[in-house]
Amino acid sequence: MSSIEPGTWMESKTTPGAYLEVLAVTDDGGVTVRCDGKTTNTTKQYLRATWIPMGDDS
């Protein structure tokens, strides 16, 4: 599985054509992302469960 780090682009597992960009990652697993022009905070756990890193064939 690819690591989640700033600059990573991800595609939704459930919504074709939905993408987000990872902007920042904190040591405690927090992640800031941009999706549809909006910035929000989430967790690595959530991203791994619902999004696939672009170019990841697993």
C-alpha atoms as a PDB file:
ATOM      1  CA  MET A   1       0.000   0.000   0.000  1.00  0.00           C
ATOM      2  CA  SER A   2       1.255   3.455  -0.866  1.00  0.00           C
ATOM      3  CA  SER A   3       2.076   5.867   1.912  1.00  0.00           C
ATOM      4  CA  ILE A   4      -0.092   8.907   2.469  1.00  0.00           C
ATOM      5  CA  GLU A   5       2.034  12.026   2.228  1.00  0.00           C
ATOM      6  CA  PRO A   6       1.709  15.591   0.979  1.00  0.00           C
ATOM      7  CA  GLY A   7       1.241  15.690  -2.776  1.00  0.00           C
ATOM      8  CA  THR A   8      -0.504  12.310  -2.948  1.00  0.00           C
ATOM      9  CA  TRP A   9      -3.600  12.268  -5.167  1.00  0.00           C
ATOM     10  CA  MET A  10      -6.348   9.814  -4.253  1.00  0.00           C
ATOM     11  CA  GLU A  11      -9.504   8.531  -5.947  1.00  0.00           C
ATOM     12  CA  SER A  12     -12.716   7.579  -4.122  1.00  0.00           C
ATOM     13  CA  LYS A  13     -13.436   3.858  -3.827  1.00  0.00           C
ATOM     14  CA  THR A  14     -17.181   4.492  -4.099  1.00  0.00           C
ATOM     15  CA  THR A  15     -17.601   7.632  -6.240  1.00  0.00           C
ATOM     16  CA  PRO A  16     -16.014   7.390  -9.699  1.00  0.00           C
ATOM     17  CA  GLY A  17     -14.404  10.650 -10.718  1.00  0.00           C
ATOM     18  CA  ALA A  18     -14.016  11.969  -7.144  1.00  0.00           C
ATOM     19  CA  TYR A  19     -10.426  12.927  -6.340  1.00  0.00           C
ATOM     20  CA  LEU A  20      -8.571  14.616  -3.502  1.00  0.00           C
ATOM     21  CA  GLU A  21      -5.069  15.896  -2.864  1.00  0.00           C
ATOM     22  CA  VAL A  22      -3.227  15.374   0.424  1.00  0.00           C
ATOM     23  CA  LEU A  23      -1.885  18.754   1.566  1.00  0.00           C
ATOM     24  CA  ALA A  24      -0.370  17.954   4.977  1.00  0.00           C
ATOM     25  CA  VAL A  25       0.108  15.034   7.365  1.00  0.00           C
ATOM     26  CA  THR A  26       0.645  15.290  11.132  1.00  0.00           C
ATOM     27  CA  ASP A  27       2.566  12.888  13.377  1.00  0.00           C
ATOM     28  CA  ASP A  28      -0.648  11.793  15.124  1.00  0.00           C
ATOM     29  CA  GLY A  29      -2.299  10.592  11.877  1.00  0.00           C
ATOM     30  CA  GLY A  30      -4.193  13.745  11.008  1.00  0.00           C
ATOM     31  CA  VAL A  31      -4.384  14.704   7.347  1.00  0.00           C
ATOM     32  CA  THR A  32      -5.379  17.933   5.598  1.00  0.00           C
ATOM     33  CA  VAL A  33      -6.858  17.370   2.140  1.00  0.00           C
ATOM     34  CA  ARG A  34      -8.347  19.400  -0.695  1.00  0.00           C
ATOM     35  CA  CYS A  35     -11.375  18.025  -2.543  1.00  0.00           C
ATOM     36  CA  ASP A  36     -13.594  20.027  -4.915  1.00  0.00           C
ATOM     37  CA  GLY A  37     -11.664  23.172  -4.030  1.00  0.00           C
ATOM     38  CA  LYS A  38     -12.431  22.815  -0.311  1.00  0.00           C
ATOM     39  CA  THR A  39      -9.852  22.097   2.386  1.00  0.00           C
ATOM     40  CA  THR A  40     -10.732  19.826   5.301  1.00  0.00           C
ATOM     41  CA  ASN A  41      -9.093  17.713   7.997  1.00  0.00           C
ATOM     42  CA  THR A  42      -9.460  13.943   8.277  1.00  0.00           C
ATOM     43  CA  THR A  43      -7.416  10.902   9.324  1.00  0.00           C
ATOM     44  CA  LYS A  44      -5.143   8.413   7.588  1.00  0.00           C
ATOM     45  CA  GLN A  45      -7.452   5.644   8.811  1.00  0.00           C
ATOM     46  CA  TYR A  46     -10.443   7.194   7.010  1.00  0.00           C
ATOM     47  CA  LEU A  47      -8.466   7.783   3.815  1.00  0.00           C
ATOM     48  CA  ARG A  48      -7.205   4.196   3.707  1.00  0.00           C
ATOM     49  CA  ALA A  49     -10.757   2.904   4.190  1.00  0.00           C
ATOM     50  CA  THR A  50     -12.434   5.051   1.535  1.00  0.00           C
ATOM     51  CA  TRP A  51      -9.831   6.342  -0.960  1.00  0.00           C
ATOM     52  CA  ILE A  52      -7.180   4.757  -3.217  1.00  0.00           C
ATOM     53  CA  PRO A  53      -3.854   6.480  -3.915  1.00  0.00           C
ATOM     54  CA  MET A  54      -3.554   7.247  -7.636  1.00  0.00           C
ATOM     55  CA  GLY A  55      -1.237   4.787  -9.367  1.00  0.00           C
ATOM     56  CA  ASP A  56      -1.698   2.200  -6.585  1.00  0.00           C
ATOM     57  CA  ASP A  57      -2.486  -1.174  -8.169  1.00  0.00           C
ATOM     58  CA  SER A  58      -3.276  -2.989  -4.917  1.00  0.00           C
END
